[in-house]
Amino acid sequence: MSTTPANHSALTPLRFLERSAEVFPDKTAILHGERSYTYAQFADETQALAAALARDVAPGERVAVLTPNVPESIFAHFAAPLAKTVLVALNTRLTRPEIAQILNHCQARVLLVDSELVERIEGIRELVPGLAKVIEVNDSESRHAPSGSAEVTGDYASYVAAGVSEPLPWAVDDEQGVISINYTSGTTGTPKGVMYSHRGAYLASLGSVVHNQFTPESKYLWTLPMFHCNGWCTAWAVTAAGGTQICLREVRAEAVWHAIDDLGTSHICGAPAVCTTIAGAEQAHPLDRPLRITTAGAPPAPTVIAALEEIGIHVVHVYGLTESYGPFTICEHQEGWPTLPAAERANLLSRQGVGMVQAERARVVDLDMNDVPADGETLGEIVLRGNNIMLGYFRNPDATEEAFHGGWFHTGDLGVMHPDGYVQVRDRAKDIVISGGENISTVEVEQALLRHPQIVDVAVVGVPDEKWGERPRAFVITEPGATLTVDDVVAHAREWIAGYKVPRDIVFADGLPRTSTGKVMKHELRKA
């Protein structure tokens, strides 16, 4: 048995754009306000940007992108690997020191930056001496004019204007080569650079096509940041399917519902906060065609699931991390679930589920790497492995070795395995509350509180207690006009969870501190 060019080609998402440009050249690939690109134009734009990058960046070096969800970010997802460079999509909410830290760590040579964000990088070339060029992207849909900043070495239009002397091949030699580096949020320490391979990105994209049911008729709205796990690999996935990507600079209820009603949006991905925005908007109304929302980051609130289902929106719950290319497991819906009582159905839908088609089965293990009983009660750590686990942390072998000990990737998430093989996250290991020797899952408490129809958001953290060591404190956000009291919340919680888990310390808040990807920053709440 041998591998030859006749029976093997290196897997890469570049092939998706090559194919769609050949098969659907005149089909709309990208919409952004007044701007529109066919697949043929998409491919041409990608080739032009790749040619420019290839002149400035050596193969294997890094290209950073600091933009909202605009077409240029989609182009970069294909152009950087086409130029044999590595894409680093930067979180648009980072501060100047944080941006400089990442650019220095990844040793970026070129930075593409949106006009709105140029002020965020003033002085960056002095802070990052290895940065050769800063290219400003002026989006016609933005309120911000070109910055005129001395920090900028050129504008995007001029940068790609030189064109393509000879089209670059839509192929790579090594499918295990690095296609992108995604930096973790760094909320509890220095961000780590997570390396994705061409092979992993290709397979994650195909998994997304299957589970999101993307087709050439699909219209995907970008509410999920493209900098977050490369938008869960969706820029590559929708391109693979030949669908249309609708860009959105910022997630506002009016803009989202315009895209749903007037642009024909069929698919959305995002954190539960996006689901809440859609369900709670004054524009919300029953739909006459299918709309699918894939959500992750935290279990969706039962009330939000019910509100979305009521207007005809299908909710899919997935689970993953930056280190797993985004989604790794999915809560596969089973026959019979739609007929169950709402509370029971919401319980099932809040689970993180089973491995996706491109992934292996998730495990829940004890400290000795033994599987815990599949009883839905015994806590263990969720561990993962397969084609959609990172290559490792860039320039951080010690952290890589620690994450991979025992031959599995250690998520740091505590969960349980249900008898039907569905995994459910109970908490981050660092977030579990140990009260009087008993483990209390903050996620379990949050889900219980979210069953109350007047509670729209909640976060639970552990706080010191002289008698019990720790006790749960709940930060609760209610719907406008609600008249809930502490006693009401406590009484409600007692209906759903054991008494020792019930928080007596209730804080009614106006909002919760969140990362740009929608995760609650519990370390901030612990300081409150």
Protein backbone atom coordinates (compact mmCIF):
# COMPACT_ATOMS: atom_id res chain seq x y z
CA MET A 1 0.00 0.00 0.00
CA SER A 2 1.36 3.41 -0.91
CA THR A 3 0.25 7.03 -0.96
CA THR A 4 0.49 8.69 -4.36
CA PRO A 5 -0.84 11.92 -5.94
CA ALA A 6 -3.58 9.78 -7.43
CA ASN A 7 -5.05 8.80 -4.06
CA HIS A 8 -4.03 11.57 -1.69
CA SER A 9 -4.20 15.35 -1.56
CA ALA A 10 -3.46 17.51 1.47
CA LEU A 11 -6.67 18.73 3.13
CA THR A 12 -7.07 22.52 3.25
CA PRO A 13 -10.05 24.93 3.36
CA LEU A 14 -8.52 26.66 0.31
CA ARG A 15 -10.10 23.95 -1.81
CA PHE A 16 -13.56 25.13 -0.71
CA LEU A 17 -13.15 28.54 -2.36
CA GLU A 18 -11.51 27.08 -5.45
CA ARG A 19 -14.48 24.74 -5.92
CA SER A 20 -17.24 27.26 -5.19
CA ALA A 21 -15.68 29.81 -7.54
CA GLU A 22 -15.70 27.17 -10.27
CA VAL A 23 -19.17 25.79 -9.56
CA PHE A 24 -21.00 28.99 -8.51
CA PRO A 25 -19.01 31.84 -10.15
CA ASP A 26 -21.97 34.23 -10.45
CA LYS A 27 -23.67 33.36 -7.16
CA THR A 28 -23.59 35.91 -4.33
CA ALA A 29 -20.97 34.81 -1.84
CA ILE A 30 -20.76 37.85 0.47
CA LEU A 31 -23.19 40.66 1.30
CA HIS A 32 -22.26 43.71 3.34
CA GLY A 33 -24.63 46.67 3.12
CA GLU A 34 -24.23 48.09 -0.38
CA ARG A 35 -21.29 45.82 -1.11
CA SER A 36 -21.76 42.45 -2.76
CA TYR A 37 -19.30 39.84 -4.07
CA THR A 38 -19.93 36.85 -6.32
CA TYR A 39 -17.86 33.73 -5.78
CA ALA A 40 -15.71 34.66 -8.76
CA GLN A 41 -15.08 38.10 -7.26
CA PHE A 42 -14.46 36.53 -3.84
CA ALA A 43 -11.75 34.35 -5.35
CA ASP A 44 -10.23 37.30 -7.22
CA GLU A 45 -10.15 39.46 -4.07
CA THR A 46 -8.51 36.60 -2.18
CA GLN A 47 -5.86 36.12 -4.83
CA ALA A 48 -5.08 39.86 -4.85
CA LEU A 49 -4.69 40.03 -1.08
CA ALA A 50 -2.64 36.83 -1.05
CA ALA A 51 -0.29 38.23 -3.71
CA ALA A 52 0.23 41.37 -1.63
CA LEU A 53 0.89 39.36 1.54
CA ALA A 54 3.30 37.05 -0.26
CA ARG A 55 5.42 40.08 -1.17
CA ASP A 56 5.77 41.13 2.47
CA VAL A 57 5.49 37.98 4.56
CA ALA A 58 7.61 34.86 4.28
CA PRO A 59 5.94 31.42 4.27
CA GLY A 60 5.04 30.39 7.81
CA GLU A 61 5.17 33.95 9.19
CA ARG A 62 2.12 35.60 10.70
CA VAL A 63 -0.48 38.05 9.36
CA ALA A 64 -2.69 39.73 11.98
CA VAL A 65 -6.20 41.07 11.37
CA LEU A 66 -8.00 43.53 13.64
CA THR A 67 -11.40 44.14 12.07
CA PRO A 68 -15.11 43.69 12.81
CA ASN A 69 -17.09 41.16 10.76
CA VAL A 70 -16.39 42.72 7.35
CA PRO A 71 -15.63 41.12 3.94
CA GLU A 72 -11.91 41.82 4.29
CA SER A 73 -11.79 39.48 7.27
CA ILE A 74 -13.35 36.70 5.18
CA PHE A 75 -10.84 37.39 2.39
CA ALA A 76 -8.00 37.16 4.92
CA HIS A 77 -9.20 33.73 6.11
CA PHE A 78 -8.38 32.43 2.64
CA ALA A 79 -5.66 34.87 1.52
CA ALA A 80 -3.29 34.32 4.44
CA PRO A 81 -3.07 30.53 3.94
CA LEU A 82 -3.08 31.00 0.15
CA ALA A 83 0.08 33.09 0.61
CA LYS A 84 1.44 30.24 2.79
CA THR A 85 1.34 32.52 5.84
CA VAL A 86 -0.51 32.08 9.15
CA LEU A 87 -3.62 34.08 10.06
CA VAL A 88 -3.93 35.66 13.52
CA ALA A 89 -7.42 37.15 13.99
CA LEU A 90 -7.34 39.60 16.92
CA ASN A 91 -10.11 40.26 19.42
CA THR A 92 -11.49 43.72 18.57
CA ARG A 93 -12.05 44.56 22.24
CA LEU A 94 -8.43 44.24 23.28
CA THR A 95 -6.48 47.22 24.60
CA ARG A 96 -3.29 48.57 23.02
CA PRO A 97 -0.99 46.73 25.49
CA GLU A 98 -2.87 43.46 24.94
CA ILE A 99 -2.69 43.84 21.16
CA ALA A 100 1.04 44.61 21.36
CA GLN A 101 1.62 41.60 23.59
CA ILE A 102 -0.01 39.24 21.09
CA LEU A 103 1.65 40.80 18.04
CA ASN A 104 5.05 40.44 19.69
CA HIS A 105 4.36 36.88 20.79
CA CYS A 106 3.19 35.71 17.36
CA GLN A 107 5.86 37.86 15.67
CA ALA A 108 3.38 39.31 13.18
CA ARG A 109 4.82 40.96 10.08
CA VAL A 110 1.67 42.64 8.70
CA LEU A 111 -1.41 43.99 10.49
CA LEU A 112 -4.72 44.73 8.75
CA VAL A 113 -6.76 47.13 10.89
CA ASP A 114 -10.21 48.66 10.49
CA SER A 115 -10.40 52.48 10.47
CA GLU A 116 -12.58 52.43 13.57
CA LEU A 117 -9.85 50.60 15.48
CA VAL A 118 -6.77 52.53 14.33
CA GLU A 119 -6.80 54.67 17.46
CA ARG A 120 -6.45 51.44 19.44
CA ILE A 121 -3.04 50.79 17.89
CA GLU A 122 -1.40 54.23 18.08
CA GLY A 123 2.28 53.68 18.82
CA ILE A 124 2.06 50.00 17.90
CA ARG A 125 5.06 49.95 15.56
CA GLU A 126 7.26 51.23 18.35
CA LEU A 127 5.87 48.59 20.71
CA VAL A 128 6.16 45.85 18.06
CA PRO A 129 9.43 46.40 16.21
CA GLY A 130 8.98 43.32 14.03
CA LEU A 131 5.78 44.70 12.49
CA ALA A 132 6.69 45.70 8.93
CA LYS A 133 3.38 47.11 7.67
CA VAL A 134 0.08 48.38 9.07
CA ILE A 135 -2.65 48.37 6.42
CA GLU A 136 -5.86 50.30 7.08
CA VAL A 137 -9.18 48.79 6.00
CA ASN A 138 -11.73 51.53 5.33
CA ASP A 139 -15.16 49.92 5.29
CA SER A 140 -17.75 51.80 3.25
CA GLU A 141 -20.42 50.67 5.74
CA SER A 142 -18.55 52.29 8.64
CA ARG A 143 -19.16 55.76 10.07
CA HIS A 144 -15.41 56.20 10.40
CA ALA A 145 -13.46 57.96 7.69
CA PRO A 146 -9.84 57.01 6.93
CA SER A 147 -7.82 57.80 10.04
CA GLY A 148 -4.89 59.66 8.54
CA SER A 149 -2.78 58.13 11.29
CA ALA A 150 1.00 58.12 10.91
CA GLU A 151 0.87 54.59 12.33
CA VAL A 152 -0.61 53.35 9.05
CA THR A 153 1.78 52.47 6.24
CA GLY A 154 -0.88 52.06 3.55
CA ASP A 155 -4.57 51.57 2.80
CA TYR A 156 -6.16 48.28 1.82
CA ALA A 157 -7.31 49.29 -1.66
CA SER A 158 -3.83 50.44 -2.63
CA TYR A 159 -2.24 47.43 -0.98
CA VAL A 160 -4.08 44.95 -3.19
CA ALA A 161 -4.13 47.14 -6.31
CA ALA A 162 -0.92 45.65 -7.70
CA GLY A 163 -3.00 42.63 -8.57
CA VAL A 164 -1.95 39.09 -9.38
CA SER A 165 0.87 38.32 -11.77
CA GLU A 166 0.28 34.56 -11.55
CA PRO A 167 -2.59 33.00 -9.52
CA LEU A 168 -1.40 31.17 -6.45
CA PRO A 169 -2.37 27.48 -6.22
CA TRP A 170 -5.30 26.60 -3.96
CA ALA A 171 -3.28 23.88 -2.28
CA VAL A 172 -0.74 23.21 0.45
CA ASP A 173 2.07 20.69 0.74
CA ASP A 174 1.47 19.81 4.40
CA GLU A 175 -2.07 19.48 5.75
CA GLN A 176 -0.66 19.50 9.28
CA GLY A 177 0.89 22.90 8.67
CA VAL A 178 -0.45 25.81 10.73
CA ILE A 179 -3.30 27.73 9.08
CA SER A 180 -4.10 30.07 11.98
CA ILE A 181 -3.30 30.97 15.56
CA ASN A 182 -6.14 31.96 17.86
CA TYR A 183 -5.35 33.54 21.21
CA THR A 184 -7.32 32.53 24.28
CA SER A 185 -9.15 35.25 26.20
CA GLY A 186 -6.48 35.53 28.86
CA THR A 187 -8.99 36.53 31.53
CA THR A 188 -7.00 34.66 34.17
CA GLY A 189 -3.49 34.98 32.75
CA THR A 190 -1.38 35.56 29.67
CA PRO A 191 -3.25 34.59 26.47
CA LYS A 192 -2.00 31.43 24.79
CA GLY A 193 -1.76 31.06 21.01
CA VAL A 194 -3.77 28.04 19.87
CA MET A 195 -2.46 26.58 16.60
CA TYR A 196 -4.92 25.19 14.04
CA SER A 197 -3.87 22.96 11.14
CA HIS A 198 -5.18 22.99 7.56
CA ARG A 199 -6.45 19.45 8.13
CA GLY A 200 -8.25 20.32 11.36
CA ALA A 201 -9.83 23.44 9.86
CA TYR A 202 -10.98 21.47 6.81
CA LEU A 203 -12.63 18.75 8.91
CA ALA A 204 -14.15 21.20 11.41
CA SER A 205 -15.65 23.09 8.46
CA LEU A 206 -17.21 19.96 6.99
CA GLY A 207 -18.59 19.08 10.42
CA SER A 208 -20.15 22.53 10.53
CA VAL A 209 -21.69 22.01 7.08
CA VAL A 210 -23.30 18.77 8.28
CA HIS A 211 -24.57 19.92 11.66
CA ASN A 212 -25.68 23.40 10.59
CA GLN A 213 -27.23 21.89 7.45
CA PHE A 214 -25.56 24.44 5.17
CA THR A 215 -26.51 24.30 1.47
CA PRO A 216 -25.99 26.65 -1.50
CA GLU A 217 -29.30 28.28 -0.49
CA SER A 218 -28.07 29.07 3.04
CA LYS A 219 -27.65 32.68 4.11
CA TYR A 220 -25.43 32.92 7.17
CA LEU A 221 -25.49 36.09 9.31
CA TRP A 222 -22.23 36.99 11.04
CA THR A 223 -23.21 37.70 14.65
CA LEU A 224 -20.39 35.49 15.98
CA PRO A 225 -17.03 37.34 15.94
CA MET A 226 -14.72 36.04 13.20
CA PHE A 227 -11.83 36.40 15.64
CA HIS A 228 -13.37 33.78 17.94
CA CYS A 229 -11.98 30.37 16.83
CA ASN A 230 -11.98 31.76 13.27
CA GLY A 231 -15.72 32.21 13.70
CA TRP A 232 -16.01 28.50 14.60
CA CYS A 233 -14.48 27.87 11.13
CA THR A 234 -17.74 29.11 9.58
CA ALA A 235 -16.14 31.41 6.98
CA TRP A 236 -14.62 28.26 5.50
CA ALA A 237 -17.76 26.14 6.08
CA VAL A 238 -20.28 28.40 4.33
CA THR A 239 -17.85 28.74 1.44
CA ALA A 240 -17.63 24.95 1.23
CA ALA A 241 -21.41 24.77 0.90
CA GLY A 242 -21.56 27.59 -1.64
CA GLY A 243 -23.82 29.64 0.63
CA THR A 244 -23.98 33.39 1.22
CA GLN A 245 -22.27 35.18 4.11
CA ILE A 246 -23.93 38.34 5.42
CA CYS A 247 -21.50 40.60 7.27
CA LEU A 248 -22.50 42.68 10.30
CA ARG A 249 -20.22 45.20 11.96
CA GLU A 250 -22.08 45.12 15.27
CA VAL A 251 -24.84 43.00 16.74
CA ARG A 252 -27.91 45.17 17.23
CA ALA A 253 -31.46 43.85 17.38
CA GLU A 254 -32.66 46.13 14.57
CA ALA A 255 -29.82 45.11 12.23
CA VAL A 256 -30.24 41.41 13.01
CA TRP A 257 -33.97 41.44 12.36
CA HIS A 258 -33.42 43.44 9.14
CA ALA A 259 -31.10 40.66 7.99
CA ILE A 260 -33.68 38.04 8.97
CA ASP A 261 -36.68 39.73 7.37
CA ASP A 262 -35.17 41.51 4.37
CA LEU A 263 -32.04 39.52 3.50
CA GLY A 264 -33.35 36.02 4.10
CA THR A 265 -31.03 34.94 6.89
CA SER A 266 -31.35 31.19 7.45
CA HIS A 267 -28.48 30.55 9.90
CA ILE A 268 -26.96 32.35 12.89
CA CYS A 269 -24.27 31.34 15.38
CA GLY A 270 -23.53 33.08 18.65
CA ALA A 271 -23.48 33.15 22.42
CA PRO A 272 -26.72 32.90 24.44
CA ALA A 273 -26.66 36.71 24.66
CA VAL A 274 -27.32 36.82 20.91
CA CYS A 275 -30.29 34.50 21.39
CA THR A 276 -31.61 36.80 24.11
CA THR A 277 -31.16 39.85 21.86
CA ILE A 278 -33.16 38.20 19.07
CA ALA A 279 -35.91 36.82 21.27
CA GLY A 280 -36.32 40.01 23.30
CA ALA A 281 -36.25 42.50 20.42
CA GLU A 282 -39.31 44.63 19.78
CA GLN A 283 -39.01 43.51 16.13
CA ALA A 284 -39.40 39.82 17.10
CA HIS A 285 -42.29 38.03 15.39
CA PRO A 286 -43.25 34.55 14.18
CA LEU A 287 -41.33 33.46 11.08
CA ASP A 288 -42.76 31.89 7.96
CA ARG A 289 -39.53 30.08 6.99
CA PRO A 290 -36.83 28.13 8.86
CA LEU A 291 -34.15 29.88 10.91
CA ARG A 292 -31.49 27.95 12.80
CA ILE A 293 -29.47 29.37 15.70
CA THR A 294 -26.41 27.47 16.91
CA THR A 295 -25.34 28.64 20.35
CA ALA A 296 -22.53 27.88 22.78
CA GLY A 297 -20.66 29.40 25.71
CA ALA A 298 -23.29 28.51 28.31
CA PRO A 299 -26.48 26.45 28.34
CA PRO A 300 -29.33 28.49 26.81
CA ALA A 301 -31.89 29.66 29.34
CA PRO A 302 -35.10 27.58 29.15
CA THR A 303 -37.17 30.76 28.83
CA VAL A 304 -35.07 31.94 25.88
CA ILE A 305 -35.31 28.55 24.16
CA ALA A 306 -39.08 28.64 24.61
CA ALA A 307 -39.32 32.20 23.28
CA LEU A 308 -37.30 31.35 20.17
CA GLU A 309 -39.19 28.12 19.52
CA GLU A 310 -42.46 29.99 19.85
CA ILE A 311 -41.59 32.22 16.88
CA GLY A 312 -40.26 29.32 14.81
CA ILE A 313 -36.50 29.47 15.46
CA HIS A 314 -34.70 26.15 15.87
CA VAL A 315 -32.04 26.24 18.62
CA VAL A 316 -28.99 23.97 18.51
CA HIS A 317 -26.62 23.77 21.49
CA VAL A 318 -22.92 22.99 20.94
CA TYR A 319 -19.86 22.85 23.15
CA GLY A 320 -16.17 23.40 22.56
CA LEU A 321 -13.19 25.59 23.26
CA THR A 322 -10.65 27.62 21.35
CA GLU A 323 -8.42 24.54 21.56
CA SER A 324 -11.05 22.43 19.74
CA TYR A 325 -11.64 24.74 16.75
CA GLY A 326 -14.84 25.88 18.43
CA PRO A 327 -17.72 23.34 18.55
CA PHE A 328 -16.72 19.75 19.34
CA THR A 329 -19.95 18.27 20.72
CA ILE A 330 -23.55 18.93 19.77
CA CYS A 331 -26.82 18.28 21.57
CA GLU A 332 -28.39 16.11 18.88
CA HIS A 333 -32.17 16.34 18.99
CA GLN A 334 -33.97 13.01 19.33
CA GLU A 335 -37.36 11.87 18.10
CA GLY A 336 -39.94 12.48 20.76
CA TRP A 337 -38.27 15.50 22.32
CA PRO A 338 -40.65 18.02 20.70
CA THR A 339 -43.62 16.36 22.44
CA LEU A 340 -42.08 16.50 25.93
CA PRO A 341 -43.17 19.07 28.53
CA ALA A 342 -41.31 22.35 28.08
CA ALA A 343 -39.24 22.03 31.27
CA GLU A 344 -38.11 18.49 30.45
CA ARG A 345 -37.28 19.42 26.87
CA ALA A 346 -35.27 22.46 28.01
CA ASN A 347 -33.30 20.20 30.37
CA LEU A 348 -32.35 17.92 27.50
CA LEU A 349 -31.49 20.80 25.16
CA SER A 350 -29.21 22.40 27.74
CA ARG A 351 -26.82 19.43 27.66
CA GLN A 352 -23.60 19.68 25.68
CA GLY A 353 -24.30 16.41 23.91
CA VAL A 354 -22.23 14.02 21.83
CA GLY A 355 -19.19 14.28 19.58
CA MET A 356 -19.81 15.89 16.18
CA VAL A 357 -19.25 13.83 13.02
CA GLN A 358 -15.65 15.02 12.62
CA ALA A 359 -14.83 14.53 16.32
CA GLU A 360 -14.30 11.60 18.63
CA ARG A 361 -16.47 10.83 21.63
CA ALA A 362 -15.97 13.10 24.62
CA ARG A 363 -15.08 11.45 27.93
CA VAL A 364 -15.65 12.43 31.56
CA VAL A 365 -12.80 11.11 33.72
CA ASP A 366 -11.52 11.05 37.28
CA LEU A 367 -8.02 12.07 38.38
CA ASP A 368 -6.64 8.70 37.22
CA MET A 369 -8.15 9.08 33.72
CA ASN A 370 -10.82 6.47 34.42
CA ASP A 371 -14.29 7.11 33.03
CA VAL A 372 -16.74 8.14 35.72
CA PRO A 373 -20.08 6.27 35.93
CA ALA A 374 -22.57 7.39 33.27
CA ASP A 375 -25.17 8.26 35.88
CA GLY A 376 -25.65 11.97 35.23
CA GLU A 377 -24.39 12.69 38.75
CA THR A 378 -20.72 11.78 39.16
CA LEU A 379 -18.45 14.74 38.43
CA GLY A 380 -15.27 14.42 36.41
CA GLU A 381 -13.18 16.40 33.95
CA ILE A 382 -14.23 16.52 30.31
CA VAL A 383 -11.38 15.40 28.04
CA LEU A 384 -11.29 15.41 24.25
CA ARG A 385 -9.13 14.21 21.39
CA GLY A 386 -9.26 13.86 17.62
CA ASN A 387 -8.69 15.80 14.42
CA ASN A 388 -10.24 18.91 15.89
CA ILE A 389 -7.88 19.41 18.78
CA MET A 390 -5.19 22.06 18.40
CA LEU A 391 -1.65 21.25 17.30
CA GLY A 392 -0.51 22.92 20.52
CA TYR A 393 0.16 26.33 22.04
CA PHE A 394 2.47 28.51 19.93
CA ARG A 395 5.89 28.94 21.55
CA ASN A 396 4.63 27.35 24.78
CA PRO A 397 5.70 23.69 24.97
CA ASP A 398 5.18 23.42 28.74
CA ALA A 399 1.52 24.47 28.53
CA THR A 400 1.04 22.14 25.57
CA GLU A 401 2.46 19.18 27.45
CA GLU A 402 0.27 19.90 30.46
CA ALA A 403 -2.87 20.22 28.32
CA PHE A 404 -2.19 16.90 26.56
CA HIS A 405 -1.12 14.71 29.49
CA GLY A 406 -2.49 11.20 29.33
CA GLY A 407 -2.98 11.45 25.57
CA TRP A 408 -6.14 13.58 25.80
CA PHE A 409 -6.80 17.31 25.80
CA HIS A 410 -7.86 18.44 29.26
CA THR A 411 -10.61 21.05 29.02
CA GLY A 412 -10.62 22.11 32.68
CA ASP A 413 -14.42 21.76 32.56
CA LEU A 414 -16.18 19.58 35.11
CA GLY A 415 -19.13 17.60 33.87
CA VAL A 416 -21.19 14.46 34.06
CA MET A 417 -21.94 11.68 31.59
CA HIS A 418 -25.60 10.76 31.20
CA PRO A 419 -26.73 7.17 30.60
CA ASP A 420 -27.55 8.01 26.96
CA GLY A 421 -23.94 9.12 26.30
CA TYR A 422 -24.66 12.85 26.37
CA VAL A 423 -22.12 14.91 28.27
CA GLN A 424 -23.17 17.90 30.37
CA VAL A 425 -20.91 20.64 31.70
CA ARG A 426 -21.41 21.40 35.36
CA ASP A 427 -18.69 24.00 35.86
CA ARG A 428 -15.17 25.10 35.24
CA ALA A 429 -12.91 23.36 37.73
CA LYS A 430 -11.96 26.72 39.18
CA ASP A 431 -15.60 27.83 39.48
CA ILE A 432 -17.01 24.95 41.51
CA VAL A 433 -18.23 26.07 44.93
CA ILE A 434 -17.22 23.85 47.85
CA SER A 435 -19.59 24.55 50.71
CA GLY A 436 -19.34 22.54 53.91
CA GLY A 437 -17.48 19.86 51.98
CA GLU A 438 -20.19 19.61 49.32
CA ASN A 439 -19.52 20.48 45.67
CA ILE A 440 -22.01 22.95 44.22
CA SER A 441 -22.14 23.42 40.46
CA THR A 442 -22.68 27.09 39.68
CA VAL A 443 -24.05 26.12 36.25
CA GLU A 444 -26.69 23.90 37.89
CA VAL A 445 -27.74 26.75 40.19
CA GLU A 446 -27.84 29.18 37.26
CA GLN A 447 -30.06 26.85 35.25
CA ALA A 448 -32.44 26.50 38.18
CA LEU A 449 -32.75 30.25 38.60
CA LEU A 450 -33.24 30.78 34.86
CA ARG A 451 -36.38 28.67 35.03
CA HIS A 452 -38.11 31.65 36.61
CA PRO A 453 -40.02 33.50 33.88
CA GLN A 454 -38.96 36.93 35.20
CA ILE A 455 -35.22 36.13 35.33
CA VAL A 456 -33.46 36.77 32.00
CA ASP A 457 -29.82 36.32 33.00
CA VAL A 458 -27.85 35.10 36.00
CA ALA A 459 -24.34 34.28 37.14
CA VAL A 460 -23.36 32.41 40.29
CA VAL A 461 -19.97 32.56 42.00
CA GLY A 462 -18.54 31.30 45.26
CA VAL A 463 -17.79 33.79 48.03
CA PRO A 464 -16.02 33.17 51.36
CA ASP A 465 -18.20 32.11 54.28
CA GLU A 466 -16.99 31.86 57.86
CA LYS A 467 -19.08 28.80 58.67
CA TRP A 468 -19.25 26.89 55.37
CA GLY A 469 -15.97 27.92 53.76
CA GLU A 470 -17.84 29.10 50.66
CA ARG A 471 -21.41 29.89 49.73
CA PRO A 472 -22.95 30.63 46.32
CA ARG A 473 -23.81 34.25 45.47
CA ALA A 474 -26.20 34.88 42.57
CA PHE A 475 -26.14 37.97 40.38
CA VAL A 476 -29.63 38.16 38.88
CA ILE A 477 -30.98 40.24 36.00
CA THR A 478 -34.74 40.45 35.73
CA GLU A 479 -36.99 41.50 32.89
CA PRO A 480 -38.14 45.15 32.88
CA GLY A 481 -40.87 45.82 35.41
CA ALA A 482 -40.26 42.65 37.42
CA THR A 483 -40.92 42.88 41.17
CA LEU A 484 -38.96 39.88 42.38
CA THR A 485 -37.55 39.90 45.90
CA VAL A 486 -34.70 37.91 47.40
CA ASP A 487 -37.24 35.66 49.12
CA ASP A 488 -38.98 35.04 45.79
CA VAL A 489 -35.73 33.95 44.16
CA VAL A 490 -34.76 31.70 47.06
CA ALA A 491 -38.22 30.09 47.14
CA HIS A 492 -38.06 29.45 43.40
CA ALA A 493 -34.60 27.89 43.64
CA ARG A 494 -35.77 25.52 46.39
CA GLU A 495 -38.27 24.03 43.94
CA TRP A 496 -35.48 22.84 41.65
CA ILE A 497 -32.29 22.18 43.64
CA ALA A 498 -31.25 20.86 47.04
CA GLY A 499 -31.33 23.31 49.93
CA TYR A 500 -27.55 23.40 50.40
CA LYS A 501 -27.16 24.58 46.80
CA VAL A 502 -29.64 27.45 47.08
CA PRO A 503 -27.99 30.90 47.18
CA ARG A 504 -29.28 33.17 49.95
CA ASP A 505 -27.02 35.96 48.78
CA ILE A 506 -28.90 37.48 45.83
CA VAL A 507 -27.67 40.58 44.00
CA PHE A 508 -30.07 42.22 41.54
CA ALA A 509 -27.83 43.63 38.81
CA ASP A 510 -28.23 45.74 35.67
CA GLY A 511 -25.78 43.63 33.69
CA LEU A 512 -22.99 41.06 33.82
CA PRO A 513 -19.36 41.59 32.79
CA ARG A 514 -18.69 39.48 29.71
CA THR A 515 -15.85 38.71 27.37
CA SER A 516 -16.28 39.58 23.69
CA THR A 517 -17.39 36.00 23.07
CA GLY A 518 -20.22 36.22 25.62
CA LYS A 519 -18.70 34.37 28.55
CA VAL A 520 -19.34 35.87 31.98
CA MET A 521 -16.13 37.05 33.65
CA LYS A 522 -16.74 35.44 37.03
CA HIS A 523 -13.41 36.60 38.38
CA GLU A 524 -14.80 40.15 38.13
CA LEU A 525 -17.97 39.17 39.99
CA ARG A 526 -15.94 37.63 42.78
CA LYS A 527 -14.44 41.06 43.40
CA ALA A 528 -17.88 42.69 43.69
